[in-house]
């Protein structure tokens, strides 16, 4: 009798005070926003660095380093489609900085852990 009462009391407490656990949801919209955020950061850094008079190679190295430093420990890095990221960066450079001769292969060093 005591076992039954104790079991019912424990089950009642577990059901009343339990909270649901949700799985980690990484939708495609979240990944697209994250990719756009990386692209915007790289573009701003590259544009500002070239406006200060630093060479294109130096600006590229600096922008890659700063972008890598900011986004290196994010859990979404495993889900990035680098070809889309590179295309987004090139498009942003053309639209925001009027850099039309940027070669996409210059972004091969842009990798996150």
PDB file of N, CA and C in Angstrom:
ATOM      1  N   UNK A   1       0.813  -1.189   0.000  1.00  0.00           N
ATOM      2  CA  UNK A   1       0.000   0.000   0.000  1.00  0.00           C
ATOM      3  C   UNK A   1       0.861   1.260   0.000  1.00  0.00           C
ATOM      4  N   UNK A   2       1.917   1.252   0.803  1.00  0.00           N
ATOM      5  CA  UNK A   2       2.787   2.415   0.875  1.00  0.00           C
ATOM      6  C   UNK A   2       3.531   2.603  -0.445  1.00  0.00           C
ATOM      7  N   UNK A   3       3.915   1.499  -1.077  1.00  0.00           N
ATOM      8  CA  UNK A   3       4.601   1.573  -2.360  1.00  0.00           C
ATOM      9  C   UNK A   3       3.712   2.207  -3.429  1.00  0.00           C
ATOM     10  N   UNK A   4       2.459   1.859  -3.439  1.00  0.00           N
ATOM     11  CA  UNK A   4       1.529   2.403  -4.440  1.00  0.00           C
ATOM     12  C   UNK A   4       1.330   3.896  -4.227  1.00  0.00           C
ATOM     13  N   UNK A   5       1.139   4.315  -2.995  1.00  0.00           N
ATOM     14  CA  UNK A   5       0.956   5.740  -2.692  1.00  0.00           C
ATOM     15  C   UNK A   5       2.223   6.509  -3.044  1.00  0.00           C
ATOM     16  N   UNK A   6       3.367   5.964  -2.686  1.00  0.00           N
ATOM     17  CA  UNK A   6       4.641   6.608  -2.983  1.00  0.00           C
ATOM     18  C   UNK A   6       4.858   6.727  -4.497  1.00  0.00           C
ATOM     19  N   UNK A   7       4.525   5.696  -5.243  1.00  0.00           N
ATOM     20  CA  UNK A   7       4.666   5.705  -6.700  1.00  0.00           C
ATOM     21  C   UNK A   7       3.737   6.729  -7.331  1.00  0.00           C
ATOM     22  N   UNK A   8       2.490   6.773  -6.884  1.00  0.00           N
ATOM     23  CA  UNK A   8       1.537   7.746  -7.428  1.00  0.00           C
ATOM     24  C   UNK A   8       1.974   9.162  -7.114  1.00  0.00           C
ATOM     25  N   UNK A   9       2.459   9.388  -5.917  1.00  0.00           N
ATOM     26  CA  UNK A   9       2.937  10.719  -5.519  1.00  0.00           C
ATOM     27  C   UNK A   9       4.138  11.140  -6.369  1.00  0.00           C
ATOM     28  N   UNK A  10       5.072  10.233  -6.591  1.00  0.00           N
ATOM     29  CA  UNK A  10       6.252  10.545  -7.421  1.00  0.00           C
ATOM     30  C   UNK A  10       5.868  10.829  -8.866  1.00  0.00           C
ATOM     31  N   UNK A  11       4.990  10.022  -9.434  1.00  0.00           N
ATOM     32  CA  UNK A  11       4.551  10.244 -10.813  1.00  0.00           C
ATOM     33  C   UNK A  11       3.807  11.572 -10.954  1.00  0.00           C
ATOM     34  N   UNK A  12       2.993  11.894  -9.976  1.00  0.00           N
ATOM     35  CA  UNK A  12       2.268  13.168 -10.010  1.00  0.00           C
ATOM     36  C   UNK A  12       3.234  14.340  -9.969  1.00  0.00           C
ATOM     37  N   UNK A  13       4.200  14.278  -9.092  1.00  0.00           N
ATOM     38  CA  UNK A  13       5.193  15.351  -9.003  1.00  0.00           C
ATOM     39  C   UNK A  13       6.019  15.469 -10.282  1.00  0.00           C
ATOM     40  N   UNK A  14       6.393  14.349 -10.863  1.00  0.00           N
ATOM     41  CA  UNK A  14       7.167  14.374 -12.103  1.00  0.00           C
ATOM     42  C   UNK A  14       6.371  14.982 -13.250  1.00  0.00           C
ATOM     43  N   UNK A  15       5.102  14.661 -13.333  1.00  0.00           N
ATOM     44  CA  UNK A  15       4.273  15.185 -14.413  1.00  0.00           C
ATOM     45  C   UNK A  15       3.944  16.657 -14.226  1.00  0.00           C
ATOM     46  N   UNK A  16       3.771  17.089 -12.989  1.00  0.00           N
ATOM     47  CA  UNK A  16       3.424  18.486 -12.736  1.00  0.00           C
ATOM     48  C   UNK A  16       4.605  19.434 -12.920  1.00  0.00           C
ATOM     49  N   UNK A  17       5.780  19.023 -12.525  1.00  0.00           N
ATOM     50  CA  UNK A  17       6.929  19.928 -12.519  1.00  0.00           C
ATOM     51  C   UNK A  17       7.971  19.614 -13.596  1.00  0.00           C
ATOM     52  N   UNK A  18       7.611  18.884 -14.583  1.00  0.00           N
ATOM     53  CA  UNK A  18       8.555  18.602 -15.661  1.00  0.00           C
ATOM     54  C   UNK A  18       8.397  19.650 -16.760  1.00  0.00           C
ATOM     55  N   UNK A  19       9.479  19.961 -17.410  1.00  0.00           N
ATOM     56  CA  UNK A  19       9.440  20.902 -18.532  1.00  0.00           C
ATOM     57  C   UNK A  19       9.851  20.155 -19.800  1.00  0.00           C
ATOM     58  N   UNK A  20       9.248  20.484 -20.905  1.00  0.00           N
ATOM     59  CA  UNK A  20       9.579  19.764 -22.140  1.00  0.00           C
ATOM     60  C   UNK A  20      10.974  20.127 -22.638  1.00  0.00           C
ATOM     61  N   UNK A  21      11.606  19.192 -23.270  1.00  0.00           N
ATOM     62  CA  UNK A  21      12.918  19.409 -23.878  1.00  0.00           C
ATOM     63  C   UNK A  21      12.753  19.426 -25.383  1.00  0.00           C
ATOM     64  N   UNK A  22      13.283  20.462 -26.011  1.00  0.00           N
ATOM     65  CA  UNK A  22      13.162  20.607 -27.446  1.00  0.00           C
ATOM     66  C   UNK A  22      14.512  20.337 -28.100  1.00  0.00           C
ATOM     67  N   UNK A  23      14.458  19.754 -29.253  1.00  0.00           N
ATOM     68  CA  UNK A  23      15.697  19.506 -29.980  1.00  0.00           C
ATOM     69  C   UNK A  23      16.205  20.821 -30.569  1.00  0.00           C
ATOM     70  N   UNK A  24      17.478  20.858 -30.888  1.00  0.00           N
ATOM     71  CA  UNK A  24      18.074  22.040 -31.488  1.00  0.00           C
ATOM     72  C   UNK A  24      17.532  22.204 -32.897  1.00  0.00           C
ATOM     73  N   UNK A  25      16.914  23.348 -33.136  1.00  0.00           N
ATOM     74  CA  UNK A  25      16.291  23.598 -34.425  1.00  0.00           C
ATOM     75  C   UNK A  25      17.161  24.567 -35.214  1.00  0.00           C
ATOM     76  N   UNK A  26      17.731  24.100 -36.279  1.00  0.00           N
ATOM     77  CA  UNK A  26      18.505  24.964 -37.158  1.00  0.00           C
ATOM     78  C   UNK A  26      17.833  24.939 -38.518  1.00  0.00           C
ATOM     79  N   UNK A  27      16.997  25.901 -38.729  1.00  0.00           N
ATOM     80  CA  UNK A  27      16.263  25.960 -39.983  1.00  0.00           C
ATOM     81  C   UNK A  27      17.135  26.585 -41.067  1.00  0.00           C
ATOM     82  N   UNK A  28      16.665  26.478 -42.271  1.00  0.00           N
ATOM     83  CA  UNK A  28      17.405  27.059 -43.388  1.00  0.00           C
ATOM     84  C   UNK A  28      17.401  28.580 -43.306  1.00  0.00           C
ATOM     85  N   UNK A  29      16.365  29.155 -42.728  1.00  0.00           N
ATOM     86  CA  UNK A  29      16.306  30.614 -42.573  1.00  0.00           C
ATOM     87  C   UNK A  29      17.400  31.082 -41.613  1.00  0.00           C
ATOM     88  N   UNK A  30      17.614  30.338 -40.541  1.00  0.00           N
ATOM     89  CA  UNK A  30      18.660  30.676 -39.583  1.00  0.00           C
ATOM     90  C   UNK A  30      20.034  30.614 -40.244  1.00  0.00           C
ATOM     91  N   UNK A  31      20.266  29.602 -41.051  1.00  0.00           N
ATOM     92  CA  UNK A  31      21.552  29.458 -41.731  1.00  0.00           C
ATOM     93  C   UNK A  31      21.742  30.574 -42.759  1.00  0.00           C
ATOM     94  N   UNK A  32      20.670  30.941 -43.471  1.00  0.00           N
ATOM     95  CA  UNK A  32      20.758  32.034 -44.441  1.00  0.00           C
ATOM     96  C   UNK A  32      21.073  33.362 -43.760  1.00  0.00           C
ATOM     97  N   UNK A  33      20.434  33.621 -42.625  1.00  0.00           N
ATOM     98  CA  UNK A  33      20.705  34.855 -41.879  1.00  0.00           C
ATOM     99  C   UNK A  33      22.144  34.887 -41.377  1.00  0.00           C
ATOM    100  N   UNK A  34      22.620  33.751 -40.906  1.00  0.00           N
ATOM    101  CA  UNK A  34      24.000  33.666 -40.423  1.00  0.00           C
ATOM    102  C   UNK A  34      24.983  33.879 -41.569  1.00  0.00           C
ATOM    103  N   UNK A  35      24.713  33.289 -42.721  1.00  0.00           N
ATOM    104  CA  UNK A  35      25.567  33.481 -43.897  1.00  0.00           C
ATOM    105  C   UNK A  35      25.571  34.947 -44.315  1.00  0.00           C
ATOM    106  N   UNK A  36      24.420  35.583 -44.297  1.00  0.00           N
ATOM    107  CA  UNK A  36      24.329  37.003 -44.661  1.00  0.00           C
ATOM    108  C   UNK A  36      25.085  37.870 -43.658  1.00  0.00           C
ATOM    109  N   UNK A  37      25.031  37.508 -42.388  1.00  0.00           N
ATOM    110  CA  UNK A  37      25.752  38.248 -41.358  1.00  0.00           C
ATOM    111  C   UNK A  37      27.261  38.165 -41.589  1.00  0.00           C
ATOM    112  N   UNK A  38      27.752  36.977 -41.932  1.00  0.00           N
ATOM    113  CA  UNK A  38      29.176  36.814 -42.230  1.00  0.00           C
ATOM    114  C   UNK A  38      29.552  37.632 -43.459  1.00  0.00           C
ATOM    115  N   UNK A  39      28.715  37.569 -44.480  1.00  0.00           N
ATOM    116  CA  UNK A  39      28.976  38.307 -45.715  1.00  0.00           C
ATOM    117  C   UNK A  39      29.025  39.811 -45.461  1.00  0.00           C
ATOM    118  N   UNK A  40      28.089  40.320 -44.674  1.00  0.00           N
ATOM    119  CA  UNK A  40      28.073  41.753 -44.361  1.00  0.00           C
ATOM    120  C   UNK A  40      29.306  42.172 -43.574  1.00  0.00           C
ATOM    121  N   UNK A  41      29.733  41.362 -42.616  1.00  0.00           N
ATOM    122  CA  UNK A  41      30.920  41.665 -41.816  1.00  0.00           C
ATOM    123  C   UNK A  41      32.160  41.718 -42.706  1.00  0.00           C
ATOM    124  N   UNK A  42      32.330  40.714 -43.567  1.00  0.00           N
ATOM    125  CA  UNK A  42      33.487  40.688 -44.446  1.00  0.00           C
ATOM    126  C   UNK A  42      33.482  41.896 -45.380  1.00  0.00           C
ATOM    127  N   UNK A  43      32.321  42.197 -45.947  1.00  0.00           N
ATOM    128  CA  UNK A  43      32.215  43.298 -46.902  1.00  0.00           C
ATOM    129  C   UNK A  43      32.533  44.632 -46.237  1.00  0.00           C
ATOM    130  N   UNK A  44      31.968  44.875 -45.066  1.00  0.00           N
ATOM    131  CA  UNK A  44      32.241  46.136 -44.353  1.00  0.00           C
ATOM    132  C   UNK A  44      33.722  46.272 -44.030  1.00  0.00           C
ATOM    133  N   UNK A  45      34.317  45.190 -43.533  1.00  0.00           N
ATOM    134  CA  UNK A  45      35.734  45.231 -43.168  1.00  0.00           C
ATOM    135  C   UNK A  45      36.605  45.465 -44.390  1.00  0.00           C
ATOM    136  N   UNK A  46      36.332  44.763 -45.462  1.00  0.00           N
ATOM    137  CA  UNK A  46      37.121  44.902 -46.683  1.00  0.00           C
ATOM    138  C   UNK A  46      36.996  46.312 -47.252  1.00  0.00           C
ATOM    139  N   UNK A  47      35.770  46.817 -47.321  1.00  0.00           N
ATOM    140  CA  UNK A  47      35.555  48.153 -47.880  1.00  0.00           C
ATOM    141  C   UNK A  47      36.228  49.232 -47.041  1.00  0.00           C
ATOM    142  N   UNK A  48      36.065  49.147 -45.732  1.00  0.00           N
ATOM    143  CA  UNK A  48      36.676  50.154 -44.858  1.00  0.00           C
ATOM    144  C   UNK A  48      38.194  50.102 -44.925  1.00  0.00           C
ATOM    145  N   UNK A  49      38.744  48.906 -45.019  1.00  0.00           N
ATOM    146  CA  UNK A  49      40.198  48.771 -45.062  1.00  0.00           C
ATOM    147  C   UNK A  49      40.765  49.329 -46.363  1.00  0.00           C
ATOM    148  N   UNK A  50      40.095  49.086 -47.477  1.00  0.00           N
ATOM    149  CA  UNK A  50      40.591  49.631 -48.742  1.00  0.00           C
ATOM    150  C   UNK A  50      40.437  51.149 -48.786  1.00  0.00           C
ATOM    151  N   UNK A  51      39.431  51.687 -48.108  1.00  0.00           N
ATOM    152  CA  UNK A  51      39.249  53.140 -48.080  1.00  0.00           C
ATOM    153  C   UNK A  51      40.333  53.834 -47.263  1.00  0.00           C
ATOM    154  N   UNK A  52      40.961  53.107 -46.337  1.00  0.00           N
ATOM    155  CA  UNK A  52      42.062  53.662 -45.559  1.00  0.00           C
ATOM    156  C   UNK A  52      43.372  53.657 -46.331  1.00  0.00           C
ATOM    157  N   UNK A  53      43.362  53.107 -47.526  1.00  0.00           N
ATOM    158  CA  UNK A  53      44.553  53.137 -48.359  1.00  0.00           C
ATOM    159  C   UNK A  53      45.398  51.893 -48.285  1.00  0.00           C
ATOM    160  N   UNK A  54      44.914  50.864 -47.645  1.00  0.00           N
ATOM    161  CA  UNK A  54      45.661  49.606 -47.578  1.00  0.00           C
ATOM    162  C   UNK A  54      45.469  48.867 -48.900  1.00  0.00           C
ATOM    163  N   UNK A  55      46.493  48.162 -49.331  1.00  0.00           N
ATOM    164  CA  UNK A  55      46.425  47.445 -50.609  1.00  0.00           C
ATOM    165  C   UNK A  55      45.311  46.403 -50.579  1.00  0.00           C
ATOM    166  N   UNK A  56      44.919  45.947 -51.762  1.00  0.00           N
ATOM    167  CA  UNK A  56      43.840  44.964 -51.852  1.00  0.00           C
ATOM    168  C   UNK A  56      44.221  43.644 -51.195  1.00  0.00           C
ATOM    169  N   UNK A  57      45.485  43.237 -51.320  1.00  0.00           N
ATOM    170  CA  UNK A  57      45.926  41.995 -50.685  1.00  0.00           C
ATOM    171  C   UNK A  57      45.912  42.129 -49.165  1.00  0.00           C
ATOM    172  N   UNK A  58      46.375  43.273 -48.673  1.00  0.00           N
ATOM    173  CA  UNK A  58      46.348  43.509 -47.231  1.00  0.00           C
ATOM    174  C   UNK A  58      44.933  43.606 -46.689  1.00  0.00           C
ATOM    175  N   UNK A  59      44.052  44.265 -47.448  1.00  0.00           N
ATOM    176  CA  UNK A  59      42.652  44.382 -47.034  1.00  0.00           C
ATOM    177  C   UNK A  59      41.987  43.013 -47.018  1.00  0.00           C
ATOM    178  N   UNK A  60      42.316  42.179 -47.991  1.00  0.00           N
ATOM    179  CA  UNK A  60      41.753  40.836 -48.046  1.00  0.00           C
ATOM    180  C   UNK A  60      42.204  40.017 -46.843  1.00  0.00           C
ATOM    181  N   UNK A  61      43.480  40.043 -46.538  1.00  0.00           N
ATOM    182  CA  UNK A  61      44.008  39.291 -45.399  1.00  0.00           C
ATOM    183  C   UNK A  61      43.403  39.786 -44.092  1.00  0.00           C
ATOM    184  N   UNK A  62      43.290  41.103 -43.952  1.00  0.00           N
ATOM    185  CA  UNK A  62      42.726  41.673 -42.736  1.00  0.00           C
ATOM    186  C   UNK A  62      41.248  41.304 -42.595  1.00  0.00           C
ATOM    187  N   UNK A  63      40.483  41.397 -43.679  1.00  0.00           N
ATOM    188  CA  UNK A  63      39.053  41.078 -43.630  1.00  0.00           C
ATOM    189  C   UNK A  63      38.822  39.605 -43.315  1.00  0.00           C
ATOM    190  N   UNK A  64      39.631  38.736 -43.897  1.00  0.00           N
ATOM    191  CA  UNK A  64      39.505  37.304 -43.601  1.00  0.00           C
ATOM    192  C   UNK A  64      39.834  37.045 -42.134  1.00  0.00           C
ATOM    193  N   UNK A  65      40.891  37.663 -41.642  1.00  0.00           N
ATOM    194  CA  UNK A  65      41.280  37.469 -40.242  1.00  0.00           C
ATOM    195  C   UNK A  65      40.231  37.975 -39.264  1.00  0.00           C
ATOM    196  N   UNK A  66      39.703  39.156 -39.510  1.00  0.00           N
ATOM    197  CA  UNK A  66      38.685  39.726 -38.617  1.00  0.00           C
ATOM    198  C   UNK A  66      37.388  38.925 -38.662  1.00  0.00           C
ATOM    199  N   UNK A  67      36.987  38.502 -39.831  1.00  0.00           N
ATOM    200  CA  UNK A  67      35.759  37.722 -39.955  1.00  0.00           C
ATOM    201  C   UNK A  67      35.917  36.371 -39.280  1.00  0.00           C
ATOM    202  N   UNK A  68      37.061  35.754 -39.471  1.00  0.00           N
ATOM    203  CA  UNK A  68      37.328  34.460 -38.833  1.00  0.00           C
ATOM    204  C   UNK A  68      37.346  34.606 -37.315  1.00  0.00           C
ATOM    205  N   UNK A  69      37.952  35.678 -36.823  1.00  0.00           N
ATOM    206  CA  UNK A  69      38.032  35.892 -35.391  1.00  0.00           C
ATOM    207  C   UNK A  69      36.636  36.063 -34.775  1.00  0.00           C
ATOM    208  N   UNK A  70      35.754  36.749 -35.467  1.00  0.00           N
ATOM    209  CA  UNK A  70      34.428  37.011 -34.921  1.00  0.00           C
ATOM    210  C   UNK A  70      33.521  35.789 -34.953  1.00  0.00           C
ATOM    211  N   UNK A  71      33.631  34.955 -35.982  1.00  0.00           N
ATOM    212  CA  UNK A  71      32.688  33.858 -36.162  1.00  0.00           C
ATOM    213  C   UNK A  71      33.291  32.473 -35.955  1.00  0.00           C
ATOM    214  N   UNK A  72      34.478  32.359 -35.394  1.00  0.00           N
ATOM    215  CA  UNK A  72      35.162  31.075 -35.364  1.00  0.00           C
ATOM    216  C   UNK A  72      34.528  30.046 -34.428  1.00  0.00           C
ATOM    217  N   UNK A  73      33.854  30.449 -33.378  1.00  0.00           N
ATOM    218  CA  UNK A  73      33.349  29.469 -32.418  1.00  0.00           C
ATOM    219  C   UNK A  73      31.836  29.313 -32.453  1.00  0.00           C
ATOM    220  N   UNK A  74      31.223  29.541 -33.572  1.00  0.00           N
ATOM    221  CA  UNK A  74      29.777  29.420 -33.671  1.00  0.00           C
ATOM    222  C   UNK A  74      29.410  28.001 -34.089  1.00  0.00           C
ATOM    223  N   UNK A  75      28.342  27.486 -33.494  1.00  0.00           N
ATOM    224  CA  UNK A  75      27.927  26.107 -33.794  1.00  0.00           C
ATOM    225  C   UNK A  75      27.344  25.949 -35.187  1.00  0.00           C
ATOM    226  N   UNK A  76      26.968  27.057 -35.833  1.00  0.00           N
ATOM    227  CA  UNK A  76      26.403  26.987 -37.182  1.00  0.00           C
ATOM    228  C   UNK A  76      27.471  26.885 -38.272  1.00  0.00           C
ATOM    229  N   UNK A  77      28.742  26.982 -37.903  1.00  0.00           N
ATOM    230  CA  UNK A  77      29.815  26.935 -38.901  1.00  0.00           C
ATOM    231  C   UNK A  77      29.849  25.619 -39.665  1.00  0.00           C
ATOM    232  N   UNK A  78      29.393  24.557 -39.037  1.00  0.00           N
ATOM    233  CA  UNK A  78      29.399  23.253 -39.713  1.00  0.00           C
ATOM    234  C   UNK A  78      28.361  23.185 -40.827  1.00  0.00           C
ATOM    235  N   UNK A  79      27.373  24.076 -40.783  1.00  0.00           N
ATOM    236  CA  UNK A  79      26.269  24.022 -41.730  1.00  0.00           C
ATOM    237  C   UNK A  79      26.385  25.035 -42.864  1.00  0.00           C
ATOM    238  N   UNK A  80      27.467  25.792 -42.895  1.00  0.00           N
ATOM    239  CA  UNK A  80      27.626  26.843 -43.906  1.00  0.00           C
ATOM    240  C   UNK A  80      27.903  26.224 -45.272  1.00  0.00           C
ATOM    241  N   UNK A  81      27.238  26.730 -46.283  1.00  0.00           N
ATOM    242  CA  UNK A  81      27.537  26.375 -47.673  1.00  0.00           C
ATOM    243  C   UNK A  81      28.504  27.454 -48.188  1.00  0.00           C
ATOM    244  N   UNK A  82      29.773  27.083 -48.294  1.00  0.00           N
ATOM    245  CA  UNK A  82      30.805  28.071 -48.612  1.00  0.00           C
ATOM    246  C   UNK A  82      30.663  28.654 -50.013  1.00  0.00           C
ATOM    247  N   UNK A  83      30.115  27.903 -50.930  1.00  0.00           N
ATOM    248  CA  UNK A  83      29.933  28.462 -52.280  1.00  0.00           C
ATOM    249  C   UNK A  83      28.890  29.581 -52.248  1.00  0.00           C
ATOM    250  N   UNK A  84      27.816  29.404 -51.497  1.00  0.00           N
ATOM    251  CA  UNK A  84      26.822  30.473 -51.360  1.00  0.00           C
ATOM    252  C   UNK A  84      27.394  31.665 -50.610  1.00  0.00           C
ATOM    253  N   UNK A  85      28.193  31.402 -49.580  1.00  0.00           N
ATOM    254  CA  UNK A  85      28.813  32.482 -48.823  1.00  0.00           C
ATOM    255  C   UNK A  85      29.742  33.306 -49.708  1.00  0.00           C
ATOM    256  N   UNK A  86      30.553  32.638 -50.496  1.00  0.00           N
ATOM    257  CA  UNK A  86      31.483  33.351 -51.378  1.00  0.00           C
ATOM    258  C   UNK A  86      30.740  34.172 -52.420  1.00  0.00           C
ATOM    259  N   UNK A  87      29.689  33.606 -52.995  1.00  0.00           N
ATOM    260  CA  UNK A  87      28.890  34.361 -53.967  1.00  0.00           C
ATOM    261  C   UNK A  87      28.214  35.561 -53.321  1.00  0.00           C
ATOM    262  N   UNK A  88      27.735  35.400 -52.102  1.00  0.00           N
ATOM    263  CA  UNK A  88      27.106  36.503 -51.391  1.00  0.00           C
ATOM    264  C   UNK A  88      28.113  37.620 -51.102  1.00  0.00           C
ATOM    265  N   UNK A  89      29.330  37.245 -50.745  1.00  0.00           N
ATOM    266  CA  UNK A  89      30.367  38.242 -50.485  1.00  0.00           C
ATOM    267  C   UNK A  89      30.701  39.009 -51.758  1.00  0.00           C
ATOM    268  N   UNK A  90      30.859  38.301 -52.856  1.00  0.00           N
ATOM    269  CA  UNK A  90      31.183  38.964 -54.125  1.00  0.00           C
ATOM    270  C   UNK A  90      30.054  39.899 -54.542  1.00  0.00           C
ATOM    271  N   UNK A  91      28.804  39.463 -54.387  1.00  0.00           N
ATOM    272  CA  UNK A  91      27.665  40.328 -54.722  1.00  0.00           C
ATOM    273  C   UNK A  91      27.612  41.554 -53.821  1.00  0.00           C
ATOM    274  N   UNK A  92      27.869  41.368 -52.529  1.00  0.00           N
ATOM    275  CA  UNK A  92      27.869  42.507 -51.611  1.00  0.00           C
ATOM    276  C   UNK A  92      28.997  43.481 -51.919  1.00  0.00           C
ATOM    277  N   UNK A  93      30.155  42.952 -52.301  1.00  0.00           N
ATOM    278  CA  UNK A  93      31.264  43.836 -52.670  1.00  0.00           C
ATOM    279  C   UNK A  93      30.921  44.659 -53.904  1.00  0.00           C
ATOM    280  N   UNK A  94      30.251  44.042 -54.859  1.00  0.00           N
ATOM    281  CA  UNK A  94      29.856  44.784 -56.062  1.00  0.00           C
ATOM    282  C   UNK A  94      28.798  45.830 -55.742  1.00  0.00           C
ATOM    283  N   UNK A  95      27.821  45.476 -54.915  1.00  0.00           N
ATOM    284  CA  UNK A  95      26.718  46.391 -54.621  1.00  0.00           C
ATOM    285  C   UNK A  95      27.095  47.495 -53.644  1.00  0.00           C
ATOM    286  N   UNK A  96      27.889  47.187 -52.640  1.00  0.00           N
ATOM    287  CA  UNK A  96      28.179  48.147 -51.574  1.00  0.00           C
ATOM    288  C   UNK A  96      29.475  48.915 -51.763  1.00  0.00           C
ATOM    289  N   UNK A  97      30.471  48.282 -52.357  1.00  0.00           N
ATOM    290  CA  UNK A  97      31.794  48.902 -52.466  1.00  0.00           C
ATOM    291  C   UNK A  97      32.208  49.217 -53.898  1.00  0.00           C
ATOM    292  N   UNK A  98      31.416  48.804 -54.846  1.00  0.00           N
ATOM    293  CA  UNK A  98      31.729  48.979 -56.256  1.00  0.00           C
ATOM    294  C   UNK A  98      33.067  48.336 -56.616  1.00  0.00           C
ATOM    295  N   UNK A  99      33.313  47.165 -56.067  1.00  0.00           N
ATOM    296  CA  UNK A  99      34.488  46.367 -56.405  1.00  0.00           C
ATOM    297  C   UNK A  99      34.008  45.298 -57.374  1.00  0.00           C
ATOM    298  N   UNK A 100      34.322  45.482 -58.650  1.00  0.00           N
ATOM    299  CA  UNK A 100      33.795  44.595 -59.686  1.00  0.00           C
ATOM    300  C   UNK A 100      34.803  43.559 -60.170  1.00  0.00           C
ATOM    301  N   UNK A 101      36.060  43.708 -59.790  1.00  0.00           N
ATOM    302  CA  UNK A 101      37.081  42.785 -60.272  1.00  0.00           C
ATOM    303  C   UNK A 101      37.569  41.830 -59.184  1.00  0.00           C
ATOM    304  N   UNK A 102      36.758  41.597 -58.169  1.00  0.00           N
ATOM    305  CA  UNK A 102      37.133  40.698 -57.080  1.00  0.00           C
ATOM    306  C   UNK A 102      36.997  39.258 -57.548  1.00  0.00           C
ATOM    307  N   UNK A 103      38.048  38.494 -57.405  1.00  0.00           N
ATOM    308  CA  UNK A 103      38.071  37.093 -57.849  1.00  0.00           C
ATOM    309  C   UNK A 103      37.605  36.218 -56.680  1.00  0.00           C
ATOM    310  N   UNK A 104      36.653  35.346 -56.958  1.00  0.00           N
ATOM    311  CA  UNK A 104      36.053  34.521 -55.906  1.00  0.00           C
ATOM    312  C   UNK A 104      37.058  33.549 -55.289  1.00  0.00           C
ATOM    313  N   UNK A 105      38.091  33.189 -56.024  1.00  0.00           N
ATOM    314  CA  UNK A 105      39.096  32.257 -55.488  1.00  0.00           C
ATOM    315  C   UNK A 105      39.940  32.905 -54.383  1.00  0.00           C
ATOM    316  N   UNK A 106      39.877  34.246 -54.263  1.00  0.00           N
ATOM    317  CA  UNK A 106      40.582  34.912 -53.154  1.00  0.00           C
ATOM    318  C   UNK A 106      39.991  34.545 -51.809  1.00  0.00           C
ATOM    319  N   UNK A 107      38.779  34.031 -51.791  1.00  0.00           N
ATOM    320  CA  UNK A 107      38.105  33.696 -50.544  1.00  0.00           C
ATOM    321  C   UNK A 107      38.327  32.258 -50.109  1.00  0.00           C
ATOM    322  N   UNK A 108      39.248  31.560 -50.727  1.00  0.00           N
ATOM    323  CA  UNK A 108      39.498  30.159 -50.360  1.00  0.00           C
ATOM    324  C   UNK A 108      40.022  30.023 -48.948  1.00  0.00           C
ATOM    325  N   UNK A 109      40.676  31.051 -48.417  1.00  0.00           N
ATOM    326  CA  UNK A 109      41.203  30.991 -47.052  1.00  0.00           C
ATOM    327  C   UNK A 109      40.153  31.274 -45.993  1.00  0.00           C
ATOM    328  N   UNK A 110      38.959  31.634 -46.401  1.00  0.00           N
ATOM    329  CA  UNK A 110      37.875  31.937 -45.457  1.00  0.00           C
ATOM    330  C   UNK A 110      37.196  30.630 -45.049  1.00  0.00           C
ATOM    331  N   UNK A 111      37.685  30.039 -43.993  1.00  0.00           N
ATOM    332  CA  UNK A 111      37.136  28.779 -43.468  1.00  0.00           C
ATOM    333  C   UNK A 111      36.957  28.942 -41.969  1.00  0.00           C
ATOM    334  N   UNK A 112      35.885  28.362 -41.459  1.00  0.00           N
ATOM    335  CA  UNK A 112      35.605  28.404 -40.016  1.00  0.00           C
ATOM    336  C   UNK A 112      35.683  27.021 -39.447  1.00  0.00           C
ATOM    337  N   UNK A 113      36.023  26.947 -38.171  1.00  0.00           N
ATOM    338  CA  UNK A 113      36.147  25.643 -37.473  1.00  0.00           C
ATOM    339  C   UNK A 113      34.785  25.054 -37.215  1.00  0.00           C
TER     340      UNK A 113
END
